[in-house]
Amino acid sequence: MAARRTLIRLSFFIPTLVCGTTVSFNDNRYLSPEMFGKLRGDEIMKFYGYPGEEHKVRTEDGYILTNFRMPNPGGYPVLLLHGLTLTSDSWLLGGPTHDIPYHLWRRGYDVWLWNARGNGYSTEHVNLTYTEKNFWNFSSHELGLYDTPAIIDYILNLTND
């Protein structure tokens, strides 16, 4: 089964429901709250001098998830999941001195930041718009049933792992 294979081959870092981050004043660059709100995940990575990519992943039930990657060719893929009601930006706000995606990338990992359906980055669907009631007819069950296998399979196919 593909899902079982992918779980074995991909490392997960699962945050607690509340993920606290602080803005770093020790980095060479400071990302002000105003500027932070205007940049997407891949743009935040680039702001701090790291490579950043955006990847759209379609789930089996039609949701389109926007995920971000700090590519490190040949590096082992690591998928970071944001906390409840957050986005992948919660992993980036503290900057390279404090936040784990930057540390992992510097250690040679191929870092992926997942955005669950319905958060600010993942409001697309093949047949629905986020303003429709049926778009929001999901629970955490669908995150495990559809979203998780979709992003894991996407990563493994793209990285040939």
Protein backbone atom coordinates (compact mmCIF):
# COMPACT_ATOMS: atom_id res chain seq x y z
CA MET A 1 0.00 0.00 0.00
CA ALA A 2 1.38 3.38 -1.06
CA ALA A 3 0.41 5.19 2.13
CA ARG A 4 2.22 2.65 4.33
CA ARG A 5 5.32 2.81 2.11
CA THR A 6 5.38 6.57 2.28
CA LEU A 7 4.98 6.70 6.04
CA ILE A 8 8.00 4.46 6.43
CA ARG A 9 10.17 6.47 4.05
CA LEU A 10 9.33 10.02 5.06
CA SER A 11 10.09 11.68 8.38
CA PHE A 12 7.38 13.68 10.10
CA PHE A 13 7.63 16.45 12.60
CA ILE A 14 4.22 16.95 14.14
CA PRO A 15 3.77 20.13 16.15
CA THR A 16 1.51 20.53 19.12
CA LEU A 17 -1.85 22.17 18.56
CA VAL A 18 -0.41 25.49 19.62
CA CYS A 19 2.83 26.35 17.86
CA GLY A 20 4.46 29.45 19.28
CA THR A 21 7.01 31.40 17.32
CA THR A 22 8.70 34.70 17.90
CA VAL A 23 10.12 37.22 15.51
CA SER A 24 13.90 37.17 15.53
CA PHE A 25 15.85 40.38 15.94
CA ASN A 26 19.18 38.53 15.78
CA ASP A 27 19.07 37.60 12.09
CA ASN A 28 20.77 39.80 9.54
CA ARG A 29 17.35 40.63 8.14
CA TYR A 30 14.24 41.50 10.08
CA LEU A 31 10.85 40.65 8.67
CA SER A 32 8.39 43.17 10.08
CA PRO A 33 4.85 42.01 10.87
CA GLU A 34 3.53 44.23 8.08
CA MET A 35 5.89 42.71 5.54
CA PHE A 36 5.32 39.18 6.84
CA GLY A 37 1.60 39.50 6.12
CA LYS A 38 2.29 40.38 2.48
CA LEU A 39 4.70 37.54 1.64
CA ARG A 40 3.83 33.94 0.80
CA GLY A 41 5.80 31.05 2.28
CA ASP A 42 8.23 30.69 -0.62
CA GLU A 43 8.78 34.46 -0.62
CA ILE A 44 9.59 34.43 3.10
CA MET A 45 12.19 31.71 2.47
CA LYS A 46 13.74 33.79 -0.31
CA PHE A 47 13.66 36.93 1.86
CA TYR A 48 15.98 35.16 4.29
CA GLY A 49 18.24 33.93 1.48
CA TYR A 50 16.94 30.36 1.23
CA PRO A 51 15.53 28.66 -1.86
CA GLY A 52 11.74 28.53 -1.94
CA GLU A 53 9.19 26.84 -4.17
CA GLU A 54 5.41 26.58 -4.28
CA HIS A 55 3.78 23.24 -5.10
CA LYS A 56 0.08 22.61 -5.73
CA VAL A 57 -1.10 19.12 -4.78
CA ARG A 58 -4.51 17.75 -5.71
CA THR A 59 -6.20 15.37 -3.29
CA GLU A 60 -8.33 12.40 -4.31
CA ASP A 61 -11.49 14.29 -3.31
CA GLY A 62 -10.58 17.39 -5.34
CA TYR A 63 -8.99 19.81 -2.88
CA ILE A 64 -5.89 21.63 -4.10
CA LEU A 65 -3.29 22.13 -1.40
CA THR A 66 -0.61 24.80 -1.70
CA ASN A 67 2.64 23.60 -0.13
CA PHE A 68 6.07 25.16 0.10
CA ARG A 69 9.49 23.62 -0.29
CA MET A 70 13.07 24.54 0.58
CA PRO A 71 14.68 22.31 -2.05
CA ASN A 72 17.89 20.55 -1.18
CA PRO A 73 18.66 18.19 -4.10
CA GLY A 74 19.62 14.76 -2.84
CA GLY A 75 18.52 15.62 0.69
CA TYR A 76 16.13 13.40 2.61
CA PRO A 77 12.60 14.86 2.40
CA VAL A 78 11.10 16.11 5.65
CA LEU A 79 7.47 17.21 5.86
CA LEU A 80 6.46 19.72 8.53
CA LEU A 81 2.80 19.99 9.48
CA HIS A 82 1.41 23.21 10.93
CA GLY A 83 -0.73 23.33 14.04
CA LEU A 84 -4.50 23.60 14.26
CA THR A 85 -5.90 26.78 12.61
CA LEU A 86 -2.43 27.82 11.40
CA THR A 87 -0.58 27.83 8.08
CA SER A 88 2.94 26.80 7.14
CA ASP A 89 3.98 30.39 7.82
CA SER A 90 4.07 29.48 11.52
CA TRP A 91 7.26 27.54 10.73
CA LEU A 92 8.93 30.56 9.11
CA LEU A 93 8.11 33.58 11.26
CA GLY A 94 11.03 33.25 13.67
CA GLY A 95 13.59 33.37 10.87
CA PRO A 96 16.73 31.32 10.21
CA THR A 97 18.11 31.63 13.73
CA HIS A 98 15.06 30.19 15.48
CA ASP A 99 12.87 28.10 13.19
CA ILE A 100 13.42 24.45 12.37
CA PRO A 101 12.91 24.52 8.56
CA TYR A 102 16.03 26.65 8.15
CA HIS A 103 18.05 24.44 10.50
CA LEU A 104 16.93 21.29 8.70
CA TRP A 105 17.80 22.76 5.31
CA ARG A 106 21.28 23.74 6.51
CA ARG A 107 21.71 20.14 7.72
CA GLY A 108 21.01 18.88 4.19
CA TYR A 109 17.31 18.01 4.36
CA ASP A 110 14.81 18.70 1.58
CA VAL A 111 12.22 20.61 3.62
CA TRP A 112 8.49 20.62 2.79
CA LEU A 113 5.85 22.72 4.55
CA TRP A 114 2.32 21.39 4.33
CA ASN A 115 -0.85 23.50 4.26
CA ALA A 116 -4.03 21.66 5.16
CA ARG A 117 -7.25 22.15 3.26
CA GLY A 118 -9.18 25.24 4.22
CA ASN A 119 -6.33 27.33 5.58
CA GLY A 120 -5.31 30.59 3.90
CA TYR A 121 -3.13 28.84 1.33
CA SER A 122 -5.38 25.89 0.50
CA THR A 123 -8.75 27.32 -0.50
CA GLU A 124 -9.01 25.76 -3.96
CA HIS A 125 -11.06 22.81 -5.20
CA VAL A 126 -11.67 21.40 -8.65
CA ASN A 127 -15.46 21.90 -8.43
CA LEU A 128 -16.14 24.12 -5.41
CA THR A 129 -15.20 27.60 -4.28
CA TYR A 130 -14.30 28.40 -0.69
CA THR A 131 -17.46 30.53 -0.43
CA GLU A 132 -19.67 27.46 -0.90
CA LYS A 133 -20.90 25.60 2.16
CA ASN A 134 -19.93 22.21 0.70
CA PHE A 135 -16.29 23.29 0.44
CA TRP A 136 -16.15 23.33 4.25
CA ASN A 137 -17.85 19.96 4.68
CA PHE A 138 -14.78 18.14 6.01
CA SER A 139 -13.14 17.24 9.30
CA SER A 140 -9.73 16.14 10.48
CA HIS A 141 -10.63 12.68 9.16
CA GLU A 142 -10.24 13.91 5.56
CA LEU A 143 -6.88 15.44 6.41
CA GLY A 144 -5.61 11.97 7.23
CA LEU A 145 -7.55 10.10 4.57
CA TYR A 146 -6.89 12.37 1.57
CA ASP A 147 -4.48 15.22 2.29
CA THR A 148 -1.67 13.32 3.98
CA PRO A 149 -1.34 10.54 1.36
CA ALA A 150 -1.57 13.10 -1.47
CA ILE A 151 1.30 15.26 -0.23
CA ILE A 152 3.48 12.30 0.78
CA ASP A 153 3.02 10.59 -2.59
CA TYR A 154 3.67 13.90 -4.38
CA ILE A 155 6.92 14.44 -2.49
CA LEU A 156 8.15 10.90 -3.03
CA ASN A 157 7.30 10.97 -6.74
CA LEU A 158 9.00 14.34 -7.24
CA THR A 159 12.12 13.42 -5.28
CA ASN A 160 12.27 9.82 -6.59
CA ASP A 161 12.33 8.40 -3.05
